[in-house]
């Protein structure tokens, strides 16, 4: 008799527990999980840029009689530089397949830190979006299987100057310089500056030495001056001789947050221009001469969040005013990768 009484009490306890679980919707076939993560840029302000994120959650709860809520945290990192970090509590859920929309802001002051890593990693950026979702029912959190979205994009901004094409430039009503080849490489970027080391191998065909003085430069990105100054020391090219001219420029990284605003507002498109000028002297006459052989314009595009769904891309349009511009148009989609990873 005692055994039957105890069995009856145990059964009632089990029934009560099941009833409570059902009431809060916690009887499950499987754990909830994040199905997809979509990001896009929202409002762009002078000091910050909005990121809009839609997280699709598969919520296989059975016998649910009340709606639940989700506690969401997600981070966005570019080359390990965390540019966004957001927490939102008790986002309401309405059904099994829910889309949770959250918004956060990127501090534009973080952009120079990212730029340094992009340049120092051979113009390569890996974007990582890592959401964490926990469904809440009756004060109990049920963590969802997460889905990390990771993708890589690359640029190749200095490629137009890496050429062996021969060109002639005129001054004083005659050919003053013959350019045999040009080259450009990034120096090591720091928190304050990004060096561009350009050079040109040139021949002076004149019967007299050709001094080149006061080499100056201006770097613009979407019209924003991000670098300006003296590019090198005076160079003397002897008559009918060949020398290497070095023209080094520096991007002031503190100006990159202003450029970033223009980049996003222009659909992630930037017109990069690097202009070098020099004063040359011949037969006692000085003349300012644009060093077109190391100057160029280049348009590049990014798709940081791959909003089109076509994968990671960075596109570079044909440069103008650069050597061989008709041959330099390129699309870097084939050199990029997209990967969405779910922890096992």
C-alpha atoms as a PDB file:
ATOM      1  CA  UNK A   1       0.000   0.000   0.000  1.00  0.00           C
ATOM      2  CA  UNK A   2       2.824   2.401   0.937  1.00  0.00           C
ATOM      3  CA  UNK A   3       4.586   1.598  -2.324  1.00  0.00           C
ATOM      4  CA  UNK A   4       1.474   2.411  -4.335  1.00  0.00           C
ATOM      5  CA  UNK A   5       1.052   5.693  -2.462  1.00  0.00           C
ATOM      6  CA  UNK A   6       4.623   6.733  -3.176  1.00  0.00           C
ATOM      7  CA  UNK A   7       4.267   5.791  -6.845  1.00  0.00           C
ATOM      8  CA  UNK A   8       1.160   7.928  -7.086  1.00  0.00           C
ATOM      9  CA  UNK A   9       2.934  10.930  -5.549  1.00  0.00           C
ATOM     10  CA  UNK A  10       5.882  10.505  -7.932  1.00  0.00           C
ATOM     11  CA  UNK A  11       3.537  10.373 -10.905  1.00  0.00           C
ATOM     12  CA  UNK A  12       1.819  13.557  -9.758  1.00  0.00           C
ATOM     13  CA  UNK A  13       5.192  15.304  -9.398  1.00  0.00           C
ATOM     14  CA  UNK A  14       6.221  14.253 -12.902  1.00  0.00           C
ATOM     15  CA  UNK A  15       2.901  15.393 -14.336  1.00  0.00           C
ATOM     16  CA  UNK A  16       3.236  18.738 -12.548  1.00  0.00           C
ATOM     17  CA  UNK A  17       6.773  19.245 -13.871  1.00  0.00           C
ATOM     18  CA  UNK A  18       5.720  18.358 -17.396  1.00  0.00           C
ATOM     19  CA  UNK A  19       2.787  20.706 -17.087  1.00  0.00           C
ATOM     20  CA  UNK A  20       5.065  23.546 -16.043  1.00  0.00           C
ATOM     21  CA  UNK A  21       7.503  22.822 -18.834  1.00  0.00           C
ATOM     22  CA  UNK A  22       4.721  22.702 -21.409  1.00  0.00           C
ATOM     23  CA  UNK A  23       3.260  25.925 -20.043  1.00  0.00           C
ATOM     24  CA  UNK A  24       6.555  27.691 -20.675  1.00  0.00           C
ATOM     25  CA  UNK A  25       7.181  26.019 -24.015  1.00  0.00           C
ATOM     26  CA  UNK A  26      10.298  24.140 -23.025  1.00  0.00           C
ATOM     27  CA  UNK A  27       9.519  20.703 -24.409  1.00  0.00           C
ATOM     28  CA  UNK A  28      11.836  20.495 -27.393  1.00  0.00           C
ATOM     29  CA  UNK A  29      12.682  18.215 -30.233  1.00  0.00           C
ATOM     30  CA  UNK A  30      16.028  19.909 -30.721  1.00  0.00           C
ATOM     31  CA  UNK A  31      17.920  22.945 -29.475  1.00  0.00           C
ATOM     32  CA  UNK A  32      17.148  26.287 -31.115  1.00  0.00           C
ATOM     33  CA  UNK A  33      19.773  27.384 -33.586  1.00  0.00           C
ATOM     34  CA  UNK A  34      20.828  30.406 -35.599  1.00  0.00           C
ATOM     35  CA  UNK A  35      20.025  29.697 -39.248  1.00  0.00           C
ATOM     36  CA  UNK A  36      21.499  32.786 -40.902  1.00  0.00           C
ATOM     37  CA  UNK A  37      23.037  36.179 -40.202  1.00  0.00           C
ATOM     38  CA  UNK A  38      22.632  39.131 -42.579  1.00  0.00           C
ATOM     39  CA  UNK A  39      24.351  42.464 -42.053  1.00  0.00           C
ATOM     40  CA  UNK A  40      24.032  45.780 -43.834  1.00  0.00           C
ATOM     41  CA  UNK A  41      25.075  49.376 -43.273  1.00  0.00           C
ATOM     42  CA  UNK A  42      22.395  51.700 -41.940  1.00  0.00           C
ATOM     43  CA  UNK A  43      22.720  55.377 -41.076  1.00  0.00           C
ATOM     44  CA  UNK A  44      26.209  56.830 -41.567  1.00  0.00           C
ATOM     45  CA  UNK A  45      27.116  59.789 -39.375  1.00  0.00           C
ATOM     46  CA  UNK A  46      30.294  61.813 -39.045  1.00  0.00           C
ATOM     47  CA  UNK A  47      31.490  59.944 -35.949  1.00  0.00           C
ATOM     48  CA  UNK A  48      29.744  56.592 -36.191  1.00  0.00           C
ATOM     49  CA  UNK A  49      28.264  54.107 -38.680  1.00  0.00           C
ATOM     50  CA  UNK A  50      25.216  51.953 -38.010  1.00  0.00           C
ATOM     51  CA  UNK A  51      25.233  48.190 -38.607  1.00  0.00           C
ATOM     52  CA  UNK A  52      21.853  46.504 -39.052  1.00  0.00           C
ATOM     53  CA  UNK A  53      21.818  42.761 -38.335  1.00  0.00           C
ATOM     54  CA  UNK A  54      19.051  40.236 -39.001  1.00  0.00           C
ATOM     55  CA  UNK A  55      19.482  36.896 -37.215  1.00  0.00           C
ATOM     56  CA  UNK A  56      17.185  34.089 -38.338  1.00  0.00           C
ATOM     57  CA  UNK A  57      16.464  31.680 -35.452  1.00  0.00           C
ATOM     58  CA  UNK A  58      14.934  28.218 -35.841  1.00  0.00           C
ATOM     59  CA  UNK A  59      13.040  27.637 -32.598  1.00  0.00           C
ATOM     60  CA  UNK A  60      11.705  24.015 -32.501  1.00  0.00           C
ATOM     61  CA  UNK A  61       9.805  24.327 -29.213  1.00  0.00           C
ATOM     62  CA  UNK A  62       6.705  22.148 -28.919  1.00  0.00           C
ATOM     63  CA  UNK A  63       3.420  22.681 -27.090  1.00  0.00           C
ATOM     64  CA  UNK A  64       4.260  26.342 -26.533  1.00  0.00           C
ATOM     65  CA  UNK A  65       1.359  28.330 -25.161  1.00  0.00           C
ATOM     66  CA  UNK A  66       3.150  31.640 -24.691  1.00  0.00           C
ATOM     67  CA  UNK A  67       5.601  33.615 -26.766  1.00  0.00           C
ATOM     68  CA  UNK A  68       9.210  33.768 -25.695  1.00  0.00           C
ATOM     69  CA  UNK A  69      11.987  36.302 -25.873  1.00  0.00           C
ATOM     70  CA  UNK A  70      15.608  36.207 -26.962  1.00  0.00           C
ATOM     71  CA  UNK A  71      18.698  37.655 -25.350  1.00  0.00           C
ATOM     72  CA  UNK A  72      21.136  38.558 -28.096  1.00  0.00           C
ATOM     73  CA  UNK A  73      24.792  39.451 -28.147  1.00  0.00           C
ATOM     74  CA  UNK A  74      26.903  39.793 -31.265  1.00  0.00           C
ATOM     75  CA  UNK A  75      30.269  41.176 -32.272  1.00  0.00           C
ATOM     76  CA  UNK A  76      31.706  42.360 -35.570  1.00  0.00           C
ATOM     77  CA  UNK A  77      35.468  42.220 -36.048  1.00  0.00           C
ATOM     78  CA  UNK A  78      37.672  43.191 -38.992  1.00  0.00           C
ATOM     79  CA  UNK A  79      41.090  41.524 -38.784  1.00  0.00           C
ATOM     80  CA  UNK A  80      40.565  40.959 -35.060  1.00  0.00           C
ATOM     81  CA  UNK A  81      39.814  44.656 -34.524  1.00  0.00           C
ATOM     82  CA  UNK A  82      36.419  44.607 -32.811  1.00  0.00           C
ATOM     83  CA  UNK A  83      34.447  47.413 -34.427  1.00  0.00           C
ATOM     84  CA  UNK A  84      30.986  46.599 -33.015  1.00  0.00           C
ATOM     85  CA  UNK A  85      29.714  44.886 -29.864  1.00  0.00           C
ATOM     86  CA  UNK A  86      26.024  44.840 -28.987  1.00  0.00           C
ATOM     87  CA  UNK A  87      23.733  43.267 -26.359  1.00  0.00           C
ATOM     88  CA  UNK A  88      19.955  43.324 -26.518  1.00  0.00           C
ATOM     89  CA  UNK A  89      17.712  41.663 -23.931  1.00  0.00           C
ATOM     90  CA  UNK A  90      14.214  40.240 -24.269  1.00  0.00           C
ATOM     91  CA  UNK A  91      13.759  40.642 -28.008  1.00  0.00           C
ATOM     92  CA  UNK A  92      10.254  39.261 -28.573  1.00  0.00           C
ATOM     93  CA  UNK A  93       9.745  36.044 -30.571  1.00  0.00           C
ATOM     94  CA  UNK A  94       6.473  35.224 -32.319  1.00  0.00           C
ATOM     95  CA  UNK A  95       6.826  31.778 -33.874  1.00  0.00           C
ATOM     96  CA  UNK A  96       9.082  28.887 -34.738  1.00  0.00           C
ATOM     97  CA  UNK A  97      10.979  30.742 -37.466  1.00  0.00           C
ATOM     98  CA  UNK A  98      11.836  34.149 -36.075  1.00  0.00           C
ATOM     99  CA  UNK A  99      14.050  36.924 -37.433  1.00  0.00           C
ATOM    100  CA  UNK A 100      15.686  38.954 -34.688  1.00  0.00           C
ATOM    101  CA  UNK A 101      16.704  42.443 -35.822  1.00  0.00           C
ATOM    102  CA  UNK A 102      19.340  44.299 -33.838  1.00  0.00           C
ATOM    103  CA  UNK A 103      21.285  47.492 -34.504  1.00  0.00           C
ATOM    104  CA  UNK A 104      24.587  48.768 -33.242  1.00  0.00           C
ATOM    105  CA  UNK A 105      27.085  51.493 -34.048  1.00  0.00           C
ATOM    106  CA  UNK A 106      30.666  51.334 -35.262  1.00  0.00           C
ATOM    107  CA  UNK A 107      32.833  54.078 -33.797  1.00  0.00           C
ATOM    108  CA  UNK A 108      34.556  55.565 -36.861  1.00  0.00           C
ATOM    109  CA  UNK A 109      37.631  56.149 -34.704  1.00  0.00           C
ATOM    110  CA  UNK A 110      38.199  52.368 -34.935  1.00  0.00           C
ATOM    111  CA  UNK A 111      38.693  52.539 -38.711  1.00  0.00           C
ATOM    112  CA  UNK A 112      42.370  53.646 -38.656  1.00  0.00           C
ATOM    113  CA  UNK A 113      43.193  50.613 -36.459  1.00  0.00           C
ATOM    114  CA  UNK A 114      41.542  48.324 -38.988  1.00  0.00           C
ATOM    115  CA  UNK A 115      43.272  50.063 -41.916  1.00  0.00           C
ATOM    116  CA  UNK A 116      46.694  49.400 -40.383  1.00  0.00           C
ATOM    117  CA  UNK A 117      45.972  45.665 -40.192  1.00  0.00           C
ATOM    118  CA  UNK A 118      44.581  45.669 -43.751  1.00  0.00           C
ATOM    119  CA  UNK A 119      47.746  47.182 -45.215  1.00  0.00           C
ATOM    120  CA  UNK A 120      50.151  45.135 -43.084  1.00  0.00           C
ATOM    121  CA  UNK A 121      48.362  41.906 -44.064  1.00  0.00           C
ATOM    122  CA  UNK A 122      48.990  42.468 -47.764  1.00  0.00           C
ATOM    123  CA  UNK A 123      45.729  44.407 -48.224  1.00  0.00           C
ATOM    124  CA  UNK A 124      43.640  41.567 -46.808  1.00  0.00           C
ATOM    125  CA  UNK A 125      40.741  41.769 -44.352  1.00  0.00           C
ATOM    126  CA  UNK A 126      38.753  38.987 -42.694  1.00  0.00           C
ATOM    127  CA  UNK A 127      35.341  40.071 -41.416  1.00  0.00           C
ATOM    128  CA  UNK A 128      33.887  37.968 -38.598  1.00  0.00           C
ATOM    129  CA  UNK A 129      30.318  38.288 -37.325  1.00  0.00           C
ATOM    130  CA  UNK A 130      29.687  36.204 -34.214  1.00  0.00           C
ATOM    131  CA  UNK A 131      26.124  36.211 -32.793  1.00  0.00           C
ATOM    132  CA  UNK A 132      25.050  34.516 -29.567  1.00  0.00           C
ATOM    133  CA  UNK A 133      21.329  33.946 -28.976  1.00  0.00           C
ATOM    134  CA  UNK A 134      19.630  32.529 -25.870  1.00  0.00           C
ATOM    135  CA  UNK A 135      15.851  31.953 -25.863  1.00  0.00           C
ATOM    136  CA  UNK A 136      14.128  32.804 -22.617  1.00  0.00           C
ATOM    137  CA  UNK A 137      10.944  31.080 -21.410  1.00  0.00           C
ATOM    138  CA  UNK A 138       9.673  31.532 -17.881  1.00  0.00           C
ATOM    139  CA  UNK A 139      13.012  32.813 -16.656  1.00  0.00           C
ATOM    140  CA  UNK A 140      14.918  29.865 -18.157  1.00  0.00           C
ATOM    141  CA  UNK A 141      17.510  30.523 -20.882  1.00  0.00           C
ATOM    142  CA  UNK A 142      17.816  27.976 -23.698  1.00  0.00           C
ATOM    143  CA  UNK A 143      21.018  28.716 -25.652  1.00  0.00           C
ATOM    144  CA  UNK A 144      20.773  28.430 -29.435  1.00  0.00           C
ATOM    145  CA  UNK A 145      23.412  26.774 -31.563  1.00  0.00           C
ATOM    146  CA  UNK A 146      25.403  29.719 -32.909  1.00  0.00           C
ATOM    147  CA  UNK A 147      26.503  30.489 -36.448  1.00  0.00           C
ATOM    148  CA  UNK A 148      29.715  32.416 -37.064  1.00  0.00           C
ATOM    149  CA  UNK A 149      29.871  34.250 -40.373  1.00  0.00           C
ATOM    150  CA  UNK A 150      33.366  34.823 -41.702  1.00  0.00           C
ATOM    151  CA  UNK A 151      34.571  36.188 -45.036  1.00  0.00           C
ATOM    152  CA  UNK A 152      37.678  37.698 -46.571  1.00  0.00           C
ATOM    153  CA  UNK A 153      38.204  40.515 -49.043  1.00  0.00           C
ATOM    154  CA  UNK A 154      41.357  41.887 -50.650  1.00  0.00           C
ATOM    155  CA  UNK A 155      42.437  45.016 -52.493  1.00  0.00           C
ATOM    156  CA  UNK A 156      45.464  45.796 -54.673  1.00  0.00           C
ATOM    157  CA  UNK A 157      45.737  49.563 -54.653  1.00  0.00           C
ATOM    158  CA  UNK A 158      49.357  50.049 -55.764  1.00  0.00           C
ATOM    159  CA  UNK A 159      49.373  47.569 -58.635  1.00  0.00           C
ATOM    160  CA  UNK A 160      49.158  50.212 -61.437  1.00  0.00           C
ATOM    161  CA  UNK A 161      52.613  51.536 -60.555  1.00  0.00           C
ATOM    162  CA  UNK A 162      54.268  48.138 -60.765  1.00  0.00           C
ATOM    163  CA  UNK A 163      55.120  48.198 -64.466  1.00  0.00           C
ATOM    164  CA  UNK A 164      58.045  48.098 -66.888  1.00  0.00           C
ATOM    165  CA  UNK A 165      56.263  50.053 -69.598  1.00  0.00           C
ATOM    166  CA  UNK A 166      58.429  52.708 -71.269  1.00  0.00           C
ATOM    167  CA  UNK A 167      57.018  56.230 -71.498  1.00  0.00           C
ATOM    168  CA  UNK A 168      58.309  59.660 -72.504  1.00  0.00           C
ATOM    169  CA  UNK A 169      57.575  62.983 -70.804  1.00  0.00           C
ATOM    170  CA  UNK A 170      58.153  66.413 -72.247  1.00  0.00           C
ATOM    171  CA  UNK A 171      59.276  69.747 -70.819  1.00  0.00           C
ATOM    172  CA  UNK A 172      60.960  72.771 -72.337  1.00  0.00           C
ATOM    173  CA  UNK A 173      59.422  71.784 -75.701  1.00  0.00           C
ATOM    174  CA  UNK A 174      61.406  68.567 -75.881  1.00  0.00           C
ATOM    175  CA  UNK A 175      61.588  65.102 -74.333  1.00  0.00           C
ATOM    176  CA  UNK A 176      62.966  65.652 -70.853  1.00  0.00           C
ATOM    177  CA  UNK A 177      62.574  62.192 -69.303  1.00  0.00           C
ATOM    178  CA  UNK A 178      62.196  58.632 -70.481  1.00  0.00           C
ATOM    179  CA  UNK A 179      60.671  56.367 -67.847  1.00  0.00           C
ATOM    180  CA  UNK A 180      61.833  52.768 -68.046  1.00  0.00           C
ATOM    181  CA  UNK A 181      59.935  51.260 -65.100  1.00  0.00           C
ATOM    182  CA  UNK A 182      58.024  52.217 -61.956  1.00  0.00           C
ATOM    183  CA  UNK A 183      57.325  50.458 -58.691  1.00  0.00           C
ATOM    184  CA  UNK A 184      55.378  51.093 -55.483  1.00  0.00           C
ATOM    185  CA  UNK A 185      55.163  49.210 -52.206  1.00  0.00           C
ATOM    186  CA  UNK A 186      53.531  49.822 -48.864  1.00  0.00           C
ATOM    187  CA  UNK A 187      55.859  50.512 -45.992  1.00  0.00           C
ATOM    188  CA  UNK A 188      55.028  49.195 -42.534  1.00  0.00           C
ATOM    189  CA  UNK A 189      51.859  50.932 -41.369  1.00  0.00           C
ATOM    190  CA  UNK A 190      51.727  52.198 -37.796  1.00  0.00           C
ATOM    191  CA  UNK A 191      48.918  53.696 -35.738  1.00  0.00           C
ATOM    192  CA  UNK A 192      49.854  57.153 -37.015  1.00  0.00           C
ATOM    193  CA  UNK A 193      50.985  56.703 -40.616  1.00  0.00           C
ATOM    194  CA  UNK A 194      50.930  54.500 -43.712  1.00  0.00           C
ATOM    195  CA  UNK A 195      53.980  54.899 -45.992  1.00  0.00           C
ATOM    196  CA  UNK A 196      53.819  54.527 -49.784  1.00  0.00           C
ATOM    197  CA  UNK A 197      57.292  53.937 -51.238  1.00  0.00           C
ATOM    198  CA  UNK A 198      57.251  54.727 -54.963  1.00  0.00           C
ATOM    199  CA  UNK A 199      60.171  54.797 -57.357  1.00  0.00           C
ATOM    200  CA  UNK A 200      60.884  55.225 -61.060  1.00  0.00           C
ATOM    201  CA  UNK A 201      63.898  54.366 -63.184  1.00  0.00           C
ATOM    202  CA  UNK A 202      64.299  57.284 -65.613  1.00  0.00           C
ATOM    203  CA  UNK A 203      66.719  58.366 -68.335  1.00  0.00           C
ATOM    204  CA  UNK A 204      67.720  61.952 -69.044  1.00  0.00           C
ATOM    205  CA  UNK A 205      68.129  62.232 -72.851  1.00  0.00           C
ATOM    206  CA  UNK A 206      69.197  65.888 -72.662  1.00  0.00           C
ATOM    207  CA  UNK A 207      72.797  67.001 -73.305  1.00  0.00           C
ATOM    208  CA  UNK A 208      72.912  68.635 -69.856  1.00  0.00           C
ATOM    209  CA  UNK A 209      72.250  67.444 -66.293  1.00  0.00           C
ATOM    210  CA  UNK A 210      68.624  67.656 -65.165  1.00  0.00           C
ATOM    211  CA  UNK A 211      68.105  68.568 -61.504  1.00  0.00           C
ATOM    212  CA  UNK A 212      64.783  67.561 -59.942  1.00  0.00           C
ATOM    213  CA  UNK A 213      63.930  69.506 -56.809  1.00  0.00           C
ATOM    214  CA  UNK A 214      61.056  70.054 -54.425  1.00  0.00           C
ATOM    215  CA  UNK A 215      59.231  66.785 -55.032  1.00  0.00           C
ATOM    216  CA  UNK A 216      55.820  67.072 -53.340  1.00  0.00           C
ATOM    217  CA  UNK A 217      52.786  64.811 -53.083  1.00  0.00           C
ATOM    218  CA  UNK A 218      49.081  64.838 -52.268  1.00  0.00           C
ATOM    219  CA  UNK A 219      47.005  61.732 -51.492  1.00  0.00           C
ATOM    220  CA  UNK A 220      43.217  61.997 -51.713  1.00  0.00           C
ATOM    221  CA  UNK A 221      40.500  59.439 -51.016  1.00  0.00           C
ATOM    222  CA  UNK A 222      37.093  60.562 -52.288  1.00  0.00           C
ATOM    223  CA  UNK A 223      38.393  64.097 -52.235  1.00  0.00           C
ATOM    224  CA  UNK A 224      39.514  63.905 -48.607  1.00  0.00           C
ATOM    225  CA  UNK A 225      43.197  64.851 -48.330  1.00  0.00           C
ATOM    226  CA  UNK A 226      44.721  62.038 -46.279  1.00  0.00           C
ATOM    227  CA  UNK A 227      48.356  62.828 -47.009  1.00  0.00           C
ATOM    228  CA  UNK A 228      50.410  65.818 -48.166  1.00  0.00           C
ATOM    229  CA  UNK A 229      54.038  66.869 -47.947  1.00  0.00           C
ATOM    230  CA  UNK A 230      57.532  66.552 -49.381  1.00  0.00           C
ATOM    231  CA  UNK A 231      58.221  63.296 -51.188  1.00  0.00           C
ATOM    232  CA  UNK A 232      62.002  63.256 -51.390  1.00  0.00           C
ATOM    233  CA  UNK A 233      65.287  65.096 -51.670  1.00  0.00           C
ATOM    234  CA  UNK A 234      66.784  66.792 -54.695  1.00  0.00           C
ATOM    235  CA  UNK A 235      67.930  64.402 -57.422  1.00  0.00           C
ATOM    236  CA  UNK A 236      70.415  65.217 -60.186  1.00  0.00           C
ATOM    237  CA  UNK A 237      70.191  63.118 -63.348  1.00  0.00           C
ATOM    238  CA  UNK A 238      73.400  63.509 -65.391  1.00  0.00           C
ATOM    239  CA  UNK A 239      73.179  64.138 -69.118  1.00  0.00           C
ATOM    240  CA  UNK A 240      72.230  61.077 -71.144  1.00  0.00           C
ATOM    241  CA  UNK A 241      72.226  58.954 -67.995  1.00  0.00           C
ATOM    242  CA  UNK A 242      69.781  56.755 -66.064  1.00  0.00           C
ATOM    243  CA  UNK A 243      68.912  57.133 -62.400  1.00  0.00           C
ATOM    244  CA  UNK A 244      66.243  55.986 -59.935  1.00  0.00           C
ATOM    245  CA  UNK A 245      63.922  58.661 -58.587  1.00  0.00           C
ATOM    246  CA  UNK A 246      62.316  57.896 -55.244  1.00  0.00           C
ATOM    247  CA  UNK A 247      59.035  59.547 -54.324  1.00  0.00           C
ATOM    248  CA  UNK A 248      57.700  58.512 -50.943  1.00  0.00           C
ATOM    249  CA  UNK A 249      54.282  59.546 -49.661  1.00  0.00           C
ATOM    250  CA  UNK A 250      52.590  59.067 -46.291  1.00  0.00           C
ATOM    251  CA  UNK A 251      48.924  58.642 -45.438  1.00  0.00           C
ATOM    252  CA  UNK A 252      47.972  60.341 -42.190  1.00  0.00           C
ATOM    253  CA  UNK A 253      45.847  57.655 -40.532  1.00  0.00           C
ATOM    254  CA  UNK A 254      44.064  60.203 -38.348  1.00  0.00           C
ATOM    255  CA  UNK A 255      42.225  61.367 -41.497  1.00  0.00           C
ATOM    256  CA  UNK A 256      40.872  57.916 -42.358  1.00  0.00           C
ATOM    257  CA  UNK A 257      37.745  58.163 -40.196  1.00  0.00           C
ATOM    258  CA  UNK A 258      36.625  61.113 -42.341  1.00  0.00           C
ATOM    259  CA  UNK A 259      37.349  59.115 -45.503  1.00  0.00           C
ATOM    260  CA  UNK A 260      35.372  56.132 -44.153  1.00  0.00           C
ATOM    261  CA  UNK A 261      32.182  58.204 -44.011  1.00  0.00           C
ATOM    262  CA  UNK A 262      32.526  59.094 -47.705  1.00  0.00           C
ATOM    263  CA  UNK A 263      33.304  55.468 -48.577  1.00  0.00           C
ATOM    264  CA  UNK A 264      30.090  54.154 -47.009  1.00  0.00           C
ATOM    265  CA  UNK A 265      27.939  56.988 -48.320  1.00  0.00           C
ATOM    266  CA  UNK A 266      29.292  56.276 -51.790  1.00  0.00           C
ATOM    267  CA  UNK A 267      28.155  52.618 -51.692  1.00  0.00           C
ATOM    268  CA  UNK A 268      31.548  51.429 -50.417  1.00  0.00           C
ATOM    269  CA  UNK A 269      33.342  53.023 -53.372  1.00  0.00           C
ATOM    270  CA  UNK A 270      36.471  55.184 -53.209  1.00  0.00           C
ATOM    271  CA  UNK A 271      38.429  57.174 -55.756  1.00  0.00           C
ATOM    272  CA  UNK A 272      42.069  57.077 -54.648  1.00  0.00           C
ATOM    273  CA  UNK A 273      44.450  59.626 -56.186  1.00  0.00           C
ATOM    274  CA  UNK A 274      48.178  60.002 -55.596  1.00  0.00           C
ATOM    275  CA  UNK A 275      49.748  63.072 -57.227  1.00  0.00           C
ATOM    276  CA  UNK A 276      53.461  63.852 -57.315  1.00  0.00           C
ATOM    277  CA  UNK A 277      54.925  67.125 -58.603  1.00  0.00           C
ATOM    278  CA  UNK A 278      58.512  68.271 -58.978  1.00  0.00           C
ATOM    279  CA  UNK A 279      60.413  71.394 -59.932  1.00  0.00           C
ATOM    280  CA  UNK A 280      62.922  70.742 -62.724  1.00  0.00           C
ATOM    281  CA  UNK A 281      65.627  73.096 -63.980  1.00  0.00           C
ATOM    282  CA  UNK A 282      67.159  73.228 -67.457  1.00  0.00           C
ATOM    283  CA  UNK A 283      69.265  75.968 -69.018  1.00  0.00           C
ATOM    284  CA  UNK A 284      68.580  78.210 -66.028  1.00  0.00           C
ATOM    285  CA  UNK A 285      64.802  77.864 -66.333  1.00  0.00           C
ATOM    286  CA  UNK A 286      62.710  76.245 -63.612  1.00  0.00           C
ATOM    287  CA  UNK A 287      59.396  74.600 -64.325  1.00  0.00           C
ATOM    288  CA  UNK A 288      56.928  72.658 -62.210  1.00  0.00           C
ATOM    289  CA  UNK A 289      56.366  69.257 -63.776  1.00  0.00           C
ATOM    290  CA  UNK A 290      53.703  66.727 -62.731  1.00  0.00           C
ATOM    291  CA  UNK A 291      55.418  63.385 -62.178  1.00  0.00           C
ATOM    292  CA  UNK A 292      52.712  61.489 -64.028  1.00  0.00           C
ATOM    293  CA  UNK A 293      54.746  58.290 -64.086  1.00  0.00           C
ATOM    294  CA  UNK A 294      54.297  57.871 -60.316  1.00  0.00           C
ATOM    295  CA  UNK A 295      50.904  59.599 -60.074  1.00  0.00           C
ATOM    296  CA  UNK A 296      47.588  57.870 -60.664  1.00  0.00           C
ATOM    297  CA  UNK A 297      43.858  57.640 -59.938  1.00  0.00           C
ATOM    298  CA  UNK A 298      42.316  54.361 -58.861  1.00  0.00           C
ATOM    299  CA  UNK A 299      38.737  53.430 -58.012  1.00  0.00           C
ATOM    300  CA  UNK A 300      38.122  50.569 -55.616  1.00  0.00           C
ATOM    301  CA  UNK A 301      34.978  49.070 -54.116  1.00  0.00           C
ATOM    302  CA  UNK A 302      34.364  46.848 -51.108  1.00  0.00           C
ATOM    303  CA  UNK A 303      31.404  44.782 -49.935  1.00  0.00           C
ATOM    304  CA  UNK A 304      32.250  44.280 -46.280  1.00  0.00           C
ATOM    305  CA  UNK A 305      29.154  42.264 -45.423  1.00  0.00           C
ATOM    306  CA  UNK A 306      28.617  40.696 -48.872  1.00  0.00           C
ATOM    307  CA  UNK A 307      25.087  42.111 -48.880  1.00  0.00           C
ATOM    308  CA  UNK A 308      24.416  40.838 -52.390  1.00  0.00           C
ATOM    309  CA  UNK A 309      24.868  37.262 -51.233  1.00  0.00           C
ATOM    310  CA  UNK A 310      27.437  36.667 -53.959  1.00  0.00           C
ATOM    311  CA  UNK A 311      30.378  36.212 -51.613  1.00  0.00           C
ATOM    312  CA  UNK A 312      33.285  38.392 -50.595  1.00  0.00           C
ATOM    313  CA  UNK A 313      34.416  40.889 -53.155  1.00  0.00           C
ATOM    314  CA  UNK A 314      36.725  43.819 -53.631  1.00  0.00           C
ATOM    315  CA  UNK A 315      36.645  45.382 -57.068  1.00  0.00           C
ATOM    316  CA  UNK A 316      39.246  47.666 -58.570  1.00  0.00           C
ATOM    317  CA  UNK A 317      38.458  49.749 -61.628  1.00  0.00           C
ATOM    318  CA  UNK A 318      40.955  50.709 -64.306  1.00  0.00           C
ATOM    319  CA  UNK A 319      43.193  53.551 -63.096  1.00  0.00           C
ATOM    320  CA  UNK A 320      43.430  56.808 -65.024  1.00  0.00           C
ATOM    321  CA  UNK A 321      46.662  58.665 -65.534  1.00  0.00           C
ATOM    322  CA  UNK A 322      48.614  55.502 -64.707  1.00  0.00           C
ATOM    323  CA  UNK A 323      50.822  53.332 -66.902  1.00  0.00           C
ATOM    324  CA  UNK A 324      48.962  50.775 -68.954  1.00  0.00           C
ATOM    325  CA  UNK A 325      45.596  51.827 -67.566  1.00  0.00           C
ATOM    326  CA  UNK A 326      43.791  49.938 -70.268  1.00  0.00           C
ATOM    327  CA  UNK A 327      45.178  46.667 -68.923  1.00  0.00           C
ATOM    328  CA  UNK A 328      44.712  47.104 -65.192  1.00  0.00           C
ATOM    329  CA  UNK A 329      40.955  46.669 -64.722  1.00  0.00           C
ATOM    330  CA  UNK A 330      40.433  43.786 -62.339  1.00  0.00           C
ATOM    331  CA  UNK A 331      37.836  42.105 -60.175  1.00  0.00           C
ATOM    332  CA  UNK A 332      39.162  40.409 -57.078  1.00  0.00           C
ATOM    333  CA  UNK A 333      36.147  38.212 -56.388  1.00  0.00           C
ATOM    334  CA  UNK A 334      38.080  35.160 -57.522  1.00  0.00           C
ATOM    335  CA  UNK A 335      40.677  35.813 -54.838  1.00  0.00           C
ATOM    336  CA  UNK A 336      38.228  36.038 -51.975  1.00  0.00           C
ATOM    337  CA  UNK A 337      36.410  33.586 -49.768  1.00  0.00           C
ATOM    338  CA  UNK A 338      33.217  33.282 -47.769  1.00  0.00           C
ATOM    339  CA  UNK A 339      32.673  30.840 -44.938  1.00  0.00           C
ATOM    340  CA  UNK A 340      29.843  30.428 -42.458  1.00  0.00           C
ATOM    341  CA  UNK A 341      30.867  28.241 -39.571  1.00  0.00           C
ATOM    342  CA  UNK A 342      28.729  26.539 -36.961  1.00  0.00           C
ATOM    343  CA  UNK A 343      30.572  25.179 -33.937  1.00  0.00           C
ATOM    344  CA  UNK A 344      30.367  21.419 -33.597  1.00  0.00           C
END
